[in-house]
Amino acid sequence: MNQIDQILKDLAEKEATEKAYQEAMSAGAQKFTAKDYEGALEKYQEAKGIKPDAAEPQKKIDEINTILGQLEAEQEKEQQYQNFMSEADQLFTKKEYENAKSKYLKARAIKPNEQKPKDKINEIEELLKQLAAQKEQEEIDANYQAAIDAADQAFNNKEYQKAKSKYQEASTIKPGETY
C-alpha cells in the first residue's frame, strides 16, 4: 500500500508540474500575442524553471529577446531622430541655416520616408539662394555707390576725367541705373 501511495503521490506531482508548465506556456503565448513581451518573457522563464530541459520555453525566450532588442534599437533611432529634429528646428529659428540643414540631413538619414526633414531642407536651400542673391545685390549696390561717391568727389574737385571714368564704372556695375 505504501508503494502505491508513493506512485500516486509522484503521479499527482507530475500532473501538477505539467499543469503549471502548460499554464505558464499558455499565459506566455497570450502575452506574446498581446505584444506584452516583458510579461511573456516572465511566463516563459517561469515555464523553463518548471521544466529546465524543455526546448520550447528557451526558443520563445530567445525570440522575445530578439524582438526586445529590435524594439530597443527602434526606440534609439526614434530618439536620435527626435533629437536631430529638435536641434535643427532650434538652429532654423536662430537662422543658422547651414547647421540646421546638417541636422535635418542627419534626421532624414535615420527616417528617409519622413516628409518634414525633406521639406525643411528644401526650404533652407531656397532661403540660402535668396540670401546669396540678396548678398550679391548688396555688394553690387555697395560697389555702385562707392563708384558714384568717388565720381561725385572727383567732379567736385574738378577732376573731370577721373569723374567721367568713375561714372562709367558705375554705369557698368548697374547698366540700367541713371544718375
Foldseek 3Di string as FASTA:
>chain_A
DVVVVVVVVVVVVVVVLVVLLVVLQVQLVVCVVVVVLVSSLVSLVVSCVSPVPDDVSVVSNVVSVVVVVVVVVVVVLVVLLVVLQVVLVVCVVVVVLVSSLVSLVVSCVSPVPDVVSVVSNVVSVVVVVVVVVVVVVVVLVVLLVVLQVQLVVCVVVVVNVSNVVSNVVSCVSPVVDDD
